[in-house]
Amino acid sequence: MVTEYGIADLRGKTDAQVIESLLCISASRFQAQLLEQPQQAGKLPEDFQLPPRFCDNRPEHLDALQRKHAALFSEYPLGSDFSAEARDLLRALKWLKQRFKLSAVLELGKATLDAPAPEAFPRHLARMGLETADGVLEALYQRLVLAGLHATEAEPSS
């Protein structure tokens, strides 16, 4: 069994060992709930506790590990046909998506004010159809994309 938190080899194991292995690779937010049923069924002792190293199976923990060991994680481990501009835009749009929370609106507004001039990313903007902003809404979209490109450290195109 494979999850984002590890691999559990279940072959030849007892029920208790299978349950423990699966709990170790499950998301921490579900572990307590998943532990109840096998304890009630007598498959695991009532005092069973997961080893501490398996109790932090959270997306934030994986993100921290990825940042700490960035050299080990390729952005596209299986390859990609995306151009450099498309990869930059994907990172920028993901960044924007994360900022569209009420608590982050002020931060996003400041980022658009601090965004570079459109001339810094002409190919990126052309790819999005935003090389010239026709009207207030397109000008806002252009500034948002520029803020995302700037925040995700895209390479300016000249």
N, C-alpha and C. Protein backbone atom coordinates (compact mmCIF):
# COMPACT_ATOMS: atom_id res chain seq x y z
N MET A 1 0.86 -1.16 0.00
CA MET A 1 0.00 0.00 0.00
C MET A 1 0.91 1.23 0.00
N VAL A 2 0.58 2.19 -0.85
CA VAL A 2 1.39 3.41 -0.96
C VAL A 2 0.49 4.62 -0.75
N THR A 3 0.93 5.53 0.10
CA THR A 3 0.27 6.84 0.26
C THR A 3 1.36 7.91 0.19
N GLU A 4 0.94 9.17 0.28
CA GLU A 4 1.92 10.25 0.28
C GLU A 4 2.80 10.23 1.53
N TYR A 5 2.41 9.42 2.55
CA TYR A 5 3.15 9.38 3.80
C TYR A 5 4.02 8.14 3.95
N GLY A 6 4.01 7.28 2.95
CA GLY A 6 4.90 6.13 3.03
C GLY A 6 4.36 4.91 2.31
N ILE A 7 5.07 3.80 2.51
CA ILE A 7 4.75 2.52 1.89
C ILE A 7 4.59 1.49 3.00
N ALA A 8 3.56 0.69 2.91
CA ALA A 8 3.34 -0.39 3.87
C ALA A 8 3.35 -1.71 3.11
N ASP A 9 4.31 -2.57 3.44
CA ASP A 9 4.35 -3.91 2.86
C ASP A 9 3.49 -4.80 3.75
N LEU A 10 2.38 -5.29 3.24
CA LEU A 10 1.40 -6.01 4.04
C LEU A 10 1.49 -7.53 3.90
N ARG A 11 2.35 -7.99 3.02
CA ARG A 11 2.45 -9.43 2.76
C ARG A 11 2.91 -10.21 3.98
N GLY A 12 2.17 -11.27 4.29
CA GLY A 12 2.57 -12.18 5.36
C GLY A 12 2.45 -11.63 6.76
N LYS A 13 1.75 -10.53 6.93
CA LYS A 13 1.62 -9.92 8.26
C LYS A 13 0.31 -10.34 8.92
N THR A 14 0.32 -10.28 10.23
CA THR A 14 -0.90 -10.55 11.00
C THR A 14 -1.84 -9.36 10.85
N ASP A 15 -3.08 -9.56 11.27
CA ASP A 15 -4.05 -8.47 11.21
C ASP A 15 -3.53 -7.24 11.97
N ALA A 16 -3.01 -7.45 13.15
CA ALA A 16 -2.51 -6.34 13.97
C ALA A 16 -1.36 -5.61 13.26
N GLN A 17 -0.47 -6.37 12.64
CA GLN A 17 0.65 -5.75 11.94
C GLN A 17 0.17 -4.98 10.71
N VAL A 18 -0.82 -5.52 10.00
CA VAL A 18 -1.38 -4.82 8.84
C VAL A 18 -2.02 -3.51 9.28
N ILE A 19 -2.81 -3.58 10.34
CA ILE A 19 -3.49 -2.37 10.84
C ILE A 19 -2.46 -1.33 11.26
N GLU A 20 -1.45 -1.75 12.00
CA GLU A 20 -0.42 -0.80 12.45
C GLU A 20 0.30 -0.19 11.25
N SER A 21 0.64 -1.01 10.25
CA SER A 21 1.34 -0.50 9.06
C SER A 21 0.49 0.52 8.32
N LEU A 22 -0.79 0.22 8.19
CA LEU A 22 -1.69 1.16 7.48
C LEU A 22 -1.88 2.45 8.27
N LEU A 23 -1.98 2.34 9.59
CA LEU A 23 -2.11 3.54 10.41
C LEU A 23 -0.87 4.44 10.29
N CYS A 24 0.29 3.81 10.17
CA CYS A 24 1.55 4.57 10.07
C CYS A 24 1.62 5.41 8.80
N ILE A 25 0.94 4.99 7.74
CA ILE A 25 1.01 5.74 6.48
C ILE A 25 -0.29 6.48 6.17
N SER A 26 -1.16 6.58 7.17
CA SER A 26 -2.41 7.33 6.97
C SER A 26 -2.22 8.77 7.44
N ALA A 27 -3.09 9.66 6.96
CA ALA A 27 -3.03 11.06 7.36
C ALA A 27 -3.33 11.18 8.85
N SER A 28 -2.57 11.99 9.53
CA SER A 28 -2.70 12.13 10.99
C SER A 28 -4.10 12.57 11.42
N ARG A 29 -4.77 13.33 10.59
CA ARG A 29 -6.11 13.80 10.99
C ARG A 29 -7.11 12.65 11.06
N PHE A 30 -6.80 11.49 10.47
CA PHE A 30 -7.69 10.34 10.51
C PHE A 30 -7.21 9.22 11.43
N GLN A 31 -5.98 9.30 11.90
CA GLN A 31 -5.40 8.19 12.63
C GLN A 31 -6.18 7.81 13.88
N ALA A 32 -6.56 8.77 14.69
CA ALA A 32 -7.30 8.46 15.93
C ALA A 32 -8.62 7.77 15.61
N GLN A 33 -9.31 8.28 14.62
CA GLN A 33 -10.59 7.71 14.21
C GLN A 33 -10.40 6.29 13.65
N LEU A 34 -9.35 6.09 12.86
CA LEU A 34 -9.09 4.78 12.28
C LEU A 34 -8.62 3.76 13.32
N LEU A 35 -8.05 4.24 14.40
CA LEU A 35 -7.55 3.37 15.46
C LEU A 35 -8.68 2.81 16.32
N GLU A 36 -9.78 3.53 16.46
CA GLU A 36 -10.87 3.13 17.35
C GLU A 36 -11.45 1.76 17.01
N GLN A 37 -11.79 1.54 15.75
CA GLN A 37 -12.48 0.30 15.37
C GLN A 37 -11.63 -0.96 15.64
N PRO A 38 -10.35 -1.00 15.24
CA PRO A 38 -9.57 -2.21 15.55
C PRO A 38 -9.36 -2.41 17.05
N GLN A 39 -9.31 -1.32 17.82
CA GLN A 39 -9.18 -1.48 19.27
C GLN A 39 -10.48 -2.06 19.84
N GLN A 40 -11.62 -1.58 19.36
CA GLN A 40 -12.91 -2.09 19.83
C GLN A 40 -13.11 -3.54 19.42
N ALA A 41 -12.56 -3.93 18.27
CA ALA A 41 -12.70 -5.30 17.78
C ALA A 41 -11.65 -6.24 18.39
N GLY A 42 -10.76 -5.69 19.20
CA GLY A 42 -9.74 -6.52 19.84
C GLY A 42 -8.56 -6.85 18.95
N LYS A 43 -8.44 -6.18 17.83
CA LYS A 43 -7.31 -6.44 16.93
C LYS A 43 -6.04 -5.73 17.40
N LEU A 44 -6.22 -4.63 18.12
CA LEU A 44 -5.08 -3.89 18.70
C LEU A 44 -5.37 -3.67 20.17
N PRO A 45 -4.33 -3.66 21.01
CA PRO A 45 -4.55 -3.40 22.44
C PRO A 45 -5.11 -1.99 22.67
N GLU A 46 -5.87 -1.83 23.74
CA GLU A 46 -6.46 -0.53 24.07
C GLU A 46 -5.41 0.55 24.29
N ASP A 47 -4.22 0.16 24.75
CA ASP A 47 -3.17 1.14 25.04
C ASP A 47 -2.21 1.35 23.85
N PHE A 48 -2.57 0.79 22.69
CA PHE A 48 -1.71 0.94 21.50
C PHE A 48 -1.55 2.40 21.13
N GLN A 49 -0.33 2.78 20.83
CA GLN A 49 -0.05 4.13 20.34
C GLN A 49 0.92 4.03 19.18
N LEU A 50 0.70 4.87 18.19
CA LEU A 50 1.60 4.91 17.05
C LEU A 50 2.96 5.44 17.49
N PRO A 51 4.03 4.96 16.87
CA PRO A 51 5.34 5.56 17.14
C PRO A 51 5.30 7.06 16.78
N PRO A 52 5.93 7.90 17.57
CA PRO A 52 5.85 9.36 17.35
C PRO A 52 6.22 9.81 15.94
N ARG A 53 7.14 9.12 15.27
CA ARG A 53 7.56 9.58 13.94
C ARG A 53 6.46 9.47 12.90
N PHE A 54 5.38 8.73 13.20
CA PHE A 54 4.27 8.60 12.26
C PHE A 54 3.07 9.48 12.65
N CYS A 55 3.24 10.32 13.64
CA CYS A 55 2.12 11.12 14.15
C CYS A 55 2.08 12.53 13.54
N ASP A 56 2.93 12.80 12.58
CA ASP A 56 2.94 14.12 11.94
C ASP A 56 2.73 13.98 10.43
N ASN A 57 1.84 13.08 10.05
CA ASN A 57 1.53 12.88 8.63
C ASN A 57 0.52 13.93 8.18
N ARG A 58 1.05 15.13 7.90
CA ARG A 58 0.21 16.26 7.48
C ARG A 58 0.83 16.88 6.22
N PRO A 59 -0.02 17.47 5.37
CA PRO A 59 0.52 18.12 4.17
C PRO A 59 1.57 19.19 4.50
N GLU A 60 1.38 19.91 5.59
CA GLU A 60 2.34 20.95 5.97
C GLU A 60 3.71 20.35 6.27
N HIS A 61 3.70 19.19 6.87
CA HIS A 61 4.98 18.50 7.18
C HIS A 61 5.68 18.09 5.89
N LEU A 62 4.89 17.57 4.93
CA LEU A 62 5.48 17.21 3.64
C LEU A 62 6.03 18.43 2.92
N ASP A 63 5.30 19.56 2.99
CA ASP A 63 5.78 20.79 2.36
C ASP A 63 7.09 21.25 2.98
N ALA A 64 7.18 21.14 4.31
CA ALA A 64 8.42 21.53 5.00
C ALA A 64 9.58 20.63 4.59
N LEU A 65 9.32 19.33 4.47
CA LEU A 65 10.37 18.41 4.02
C LEU A 65 10.81 18.72 2.59
N GLN A 66 9.84 19.05 1.76
CA GLN A 66 10.17 19.37 0.37
C GLN A 66 11.03 20.63 0.29
N ARG A 67 10.68 21.64 1.10
CA ARG A 67 11.50 22.87 1.11
C ARG A 67 12.90 22.59 1.65
N LYS A 68 12.98 21.78 2.71
CA LYS A 68 14.27 21.49 3.33
C LYS A 68 15.18 20.71 2.38
N HIS A 69 14.58 19.82 1.59
CA HIS A 69 15.36 18.96 0.69
C HIS A 69 14.97 19.22 -0.76
N ALA A 70 14.90 20.48 -1.13
CA ALA A 70 14.42 20.87 -2.46
C ALA A 70 15.21 20.22 -3.59
N ALA A 71 16.49 20.00 -3.38
CA ALA A 71 17.31 19.42 -4.45
C ALA A 71 16.88 18.00 -4.81
N LEU A 72 16.18 17.33 -3.90
CA LEU A 72 15.74 15.96 -4.15
C LEU A 72 14.41 15.89 -4.91
N PHE A 73 13.70 17.02 -4.99
CA PHE A 73 12.37 17.02 -5.57
C PHE A 73 12.33 17.86 -6.84
N SER A 74 12.17 17.21 -7.95
CA SER A 74 12.02 17.91 -9.22
C SER A 74 10.59 18.43 -9.33
N GLU A 75 10.43 19.58 -9.95
CA GLU A 75 9.09 20.15 -10.12
C GLU A 75 8.21 19.20 -10.95
N TYR A 76 8.78 18.57 -11.95
CA TYR A 76 8.08 17.61 -12.80
C TYR A 76 8.94 16.35 -12.90
N PRO A 77 8.84 15.45 -11.91
CA PRO A 77 9.75 14.31 -11.87
C PRO A 77 9.64 13.37 -13.07
N LEU A 78 8.52 13.36 -13.75
CA LEU A 78 8.36 12.48 -14.91
C LEU A 78 8.54 13.24 -16.22
N GLY A 79 9.02 14.47 -16.12
CA GLY A 79 9.23 15.28 -17.32
C GLY A 79 8.00 16.12 -17.63
N SER A 80 8.16 17.02 -18.59
CA SER A 80 7.08 17.93 -18.93
C SER A 80 7.33 18.53 -20.31
N ASP A 81 6.25 18.82 -21.00
CA ASP A 81 6.35 19.52 -22.28
C ASP A 81 6.10 21.01 -22.12
N PHE A 82 5.92 21.47 -20.88
CA PHE A 82 5.66 22.88 -20.63
C PHE A 82 6.88 23.72 -20.98
N SER A 83 6.64 24.85 -21.59
CA SER A 83 7.73 25.80 -21.83
C SER A 83 8.11 26.44 -20.50
N ALA A 84 9.22 27.15 -20.50
CA ALA A 84 9.65 27.84 -19.28
C ALA A 84 8.58 28.83 -18.83
N GLU A 85 7.98 29.55 -19.80
CA GLU A 85 6.93 30.52 -19.45
C GLU A 85 5.72 29.82 -18.85
N ALA A 86 5.34 28.66 -19.41
CA ALA A 86 4.18 27.93 -18.89
C ALA A 86 4.44 27.46 -17.46
N ARG A 87 5.65 26.96 -17.18
CA ARG A 87 5.98 26.54 -15.82
C ARG A 87 5.93 27.72 -14.86
N ASP A 88 6.49 28.86 -15.29
CA ASP A 88 6.44 30.06 -14.46
C ASP A 88 5.00 30.47 -14.19
N LEU A 89 4.17 30.42 -15.23
CA LEU A 89 2.77 30.81 -15.09
C LEU A 89 2.01 29.85 -14.17
N LEU A 90 2.29 28.57 -14.27
CA LEU A 90 1.64 27.61 -13.38
C LEU A 90 1.96 27.90 -11.92
N ARG A 91 3.23 28.18 -11.63
CA ARG A 91 3.61 28.53 -10.25
C ARG A 91 2.92 29.83 -9.82
N ALA A 92 2.90 30.81 -10.73
CA ALA A 92 2.30 32.10 -10.39
C ALA A 92 0.80 31.96 -10.15
N LEU A 93 0.11 31.19 -10.99
CA LEU A 93 -1.33 31.01 -10.82
C LEU A 93 -1.65 30.21 -9.57
N LYS A 94 -0.82 29.25 -9.24
CA LYS A 94 -1.00 28.51 -7.98
C LYS A 94 -0.82 29.45 -6.79
N TRP A 95 0.18 30.30 -6.88
CA TRP A 95 0.41 31.29 -5.81
C TRP A 95 -0.81 32.19 -5.66
N LEU A 96 -1.36 32.66 -6.79
CA LEU A 96 -2.55 33.51 -6.74
C LEU A 96 -3.73 32.78 -6.12
N LYS A 97 -3.92 31.54 -6.50
CA LYS A 97 -5.03 30.75 -5.97
C LYS A 97 -4.94 30.65 -4.46
N GLN A 98 -3.74 30.46 -3.94
CA GLN A 98 -3.55 30.35 -2.51
C GLN A 98 -3.83 31.68 -1.79
N ARG A 99 -3.67 32.79 -2.50
CA ARG A 99 -3.86 34.10 -1.88
C ARG A 99 -5.32 34.56 -1.89
N PHE A 100 -6.17 33.87 -2.63
CA PHE A 100 -7.57 34.29 -2.71
C PHE A 100 -8.37 33.75 -1.54
N LYS A 101 -7.90 34.11 -0.36
CA LYS A 101 -8.60 33.84 0.88
C LYS A 101 -8.79 35.21 1.52
N LEU A 102 -9.89 35.38 2.20
CA LEU A 102 -10.21 36.68 2.77
C LEU A 102 -9.07 37.23 3.61
N SER A 103 -8.42 36.35 4.37
CA SER A 103 -7.33 36.80 5.25
C SER A 103 -6.12 37.28 4.47
N ALA A 104 -6.02 36.91 3.20
CA ALA A 104 -4.83 37.26 2.43
C ALA A 104 -5.08 38.35 1.39
N VAL A 105 -6.27 38.92 1.37
CA VAL A 105 -6.60 39.92 0.35
C VAL A 105 -5.69 41.14 0.44
N LEU A 106 -5.40 41.61 1.65
CA LEU A 106 -4.52 42.77 1.80
C LEU A 106 -3.11 42.47 1.30
N GLU A 107 -2.62 41.29 1.63
CA GLU A 107 -1.30 40.88 1.16
C GLU A 107 -1.26 40.83 -0.37
N LEU A 108 -2.33 40.32 -0.96
CA LEU A 108 -2.41 40.24 -2.41
C LEU A 108 -2.46 41.64 -3.03
N GLY A 109 -3.23 42.53 -2.42
CA GLY A 109 -3.31 43.90 -2.92
C GLY A 109 -1.95 44.57 -2.89
N LYS A 110 -1.22 44.39 -1.79
CA LYS A 110 0.13 44.97 -1.70
C LYS A 110 1.04 44.37 -2.77
N ALA A 111 0.92 43.06 -2.98
CA ALA A 111 1.76 42.39 -3.98
C ALA A 111 1.50 42.94 -5.38
N THR A 112 0.24 43.26 -5.70
CA THR A 112 -0.04 43.81 -7.02
C THR A 112 0.55 45.21 -7.17
N LEU A 113 0.59 45.96 -6.08
CA LEU A 113 1.20 47.29 -6.13
C LEU A 113 2.72 47.19 -6.31
N ASP A 114 3.31 46.14 -5.73
CA ASP A 114 4.76 45.96 -5.82
C ASP A 114 5.19 45.15 -7.05
N ALA A 115 4.23 44.73 -7.86
CA ALA A 115 4.53 43.89 -9.02
C ALA A 115 5.41 44.66 -10.01
N PRO A 116 6.23 43.94 -10.75
CA PRO A 116 7.08 44.60 -11.75
C PRO A 116 6.26 45.14 -12.92
N ALA A 117 6.88 45.95 -13.73
CA ALA A 117 6.22 46.49 -14.92
C ALA A 117 5.96 45.38 -15.93
N PRO A 118 4.95 45.51 -16.76
CA PRO A 118 4.64 44.48 -17.77
C PRO A 118 5.84 44.17 -18.68
N GLU A 119 6.71 45.12 -18.88
CA GLU A 119 7.87 44.90 -19.74
C GLU A 119 8.81 43.83 -19.20
N ALA A 120 8.71 43.50 -17.91
CA ALA A 120 9.59 42.50 -17.30
C ALA A 120 9.22 41.08 -17.74
N PHE A 121 7.97 40.87 -18.14
CA PHE A 121 7.51 39.53 -18.50
C PHE A 121 6.64 39.56 -19.76
N PRO A 122 7.14 40.08 -20.87
CA PRO A 122 6.29 40.21 -22.07
C PRO A 122 5.82 38.86 -22.62
N ARG A 123 6.68 37.85 -22.63
CA ARG A 123 6.27 36.54 -23.19
C ARG A 123 5.25 35.85 -22.29
N HIS A 124 5.43 36.00 -20.99
CA HIS A 124 4.47 35.41 -20.05
C HIS A 124 3.09 36.04 -20.24
N LEU A 125 3.07 37.36 -20.32
CA LEU A 125 1.80 38.06 -20.48
C LEU A 125 1.16 37.73 -21.83
N ALA A 126 1.98 37.60 -22.86
CA ALA A 126 1.45 37.24 -24.18
C ALA A 126 0.81 35.86 -24.12
N ARG A 127 1.46 34.95 -23.42
CA ARG A 127 0.92 33.59 -23.28
C ARG A 127 -0.46 33.61 -22.63
N MET A 128 -0.70 34.55 -21.73
CA MET A 128 -1.98 34.68 -21.05
C MET A 128 -2.94 35.61 -21.78
N GLY A 129 -2.49 36.22 -22.88
CA GLY A 129 -3.34 37.16 -23.60
C GLY A 129 -3.49 38.47 -22.86
N LEU A 130 -2.51 38.82 -22.06
CA LEU A 130 -2.57 40.03 -21.24
C LEU A 130 -1.45 41.01 -21.55
N GLU A 131 -0.86 40.90 -22.76
CA GLU A 131 0.25 41.80 -23.08
C GLU A 131 -0.20 43.26 -23.10
N THR A 132 -1.42 43.51 -23.51
CA THR A 132 -2.00 44.86 -23.40
C THR A 132 -3.28 44.73 -22.59
N ALA A 133 -3.40 45.55 -21.60
CA ALA A 133 -4.57 45.51 -20.73
C ALA A 133 -5.64 46.46 -21.27
N ASP A 134 -6.71 45.87 -21.76
CA ASP A 134 -7.83 46.66 -22.27
C ASP A 134 -8.89 46.76 -21.19
N GLY A 135 -8.84 47.84 -20.45
CA GLY A 135 -9.83 48.07 -19.41
C GLY A 135 -9.29 47.76 -18.03
N VAL A 136 -10.07 48.13 -17.04
CA VAL A 136 -9.67 48.00 -15.64
C VAL A 136 -9.52 46.53 -15.23
N LEU A 137 -10.46 45.69 -15.66
CA LEU A 137 -10.41 44.29 -15.26
C LEU A 137 -9.17 43.59 -15.81
N GLU A 138 -8.86 43.81 -17.08
CA GLU A 138 -7.65 43.20 -17.65
C GLU A 138 -6.40 43.77 -17.01
N ALA A 139 -6.41 45.05 -16.67
CA ALA A 139 -5.26 45.65 -15.98
C ALA A 139 -5.06 44.98 -14.62
N LEU A 140 -6.16 44.68 -13.94
CA LEU A 140 -6.06 43.99 -12.65
C LEU A 140 -5.52 42.58 -12.85
N TYR A 141 -6.05 41.85 -13.85
CA TYR A 141 -5.54 40.51 -14.14
C TYR A 141 -4.04 40.56 -14.45
N GLN A 142 -3.65 41.54 -15.25
CA GLN A 142 -2.24 41.66 -15.62
C GLN A 142 -1.38 41.88 -14.37
N ARG A 143 -1.83 42.77 -13.47
CA ARG A 143 -1.07 43.05 -12.24
C ARG A 143 -1.02 41.82 -11.34
N LEU A 144 -2.12 41.06 -11.28
CA LEU A 144 -2.13 39.86 -10.46
C LEU A 144 -1.14 38.82 -11.00
N VAL A 145 -1.13 38.62 -12.30
CA VAL A 145 -0.19 37.67 -12.90
C VAL A 145 1.24 38.14 -12.68
N LEU A 146 1.49 39.43 -12.86
CA LEU A 146 2.84 39.97 -12.63
C LEU A 146 3.26 39.78 -11.17
N ALA A 147 2.33 40.00 -10.24
CA ALA A 147 2.64 39.80 -8.82
C ALA A 147 2.97 38.34 -8.55
N GLY A 148 2.20 37.42 -9.16
CA GLY A 148 2.48 36.00 -8.98
C GLY A 148 3.82 35.60 -9.56
N LEU A 149 4.13 36.11 -10.74
CA LEU A 149 5.43 35.81 -11.36
C LEU A 149 6.57 36.34 -10.49
N HIS A 150 6.40 37.55 -10.00
CA HIS A 150 7.43 38.16 -9.14
C HIS A 150 7.59 37.36 -7.84
N ALA A 151 6.46 36.97 -7.23
CA ALA A 151 6.50 36.27 -5.94
C ALA A 151 7.06 34.86 -6.07
N THR A 152 6.87 34.23 -7.21
CA THR A 152 7.37 32.86 -7.38
C THR A 152 8.71 32.84 -8.09
N GLU A 153 9.33 34.00 -8.20
CA GLU A 153 10.69 34.15 -8.71
C GLU A 153 10.87 33.61 -10.12
N ALA A 154 9.93 33.93 -10.98
CA ALA A 154 10.06 33.55 -12.38
C ALA A 154 11.19 34.36 -13.00
N GLU A 155 11.81 33.81 -14.03
CA GLU A 155 12.87 34.51 -14.73
C GLU A 155 12.22 35.51 -15.71
N PRO A 156 12.50 36.81 -15.55
CA PRO A 156 11.96 37.77 -16.50
C PRO A 156 12.36 37.43 -17.93
N SER A 157 11.44 37.67 -18.85
CA SER A 157 11.75 37.45 -20.27
C SER A 157 11.98 38.78 -20.93
N SER A 158 12.96 38.82 -21.75
CA SER A 158 13.30 40.10 -22.40
C SER A 158 12.96 40.07 -23.88
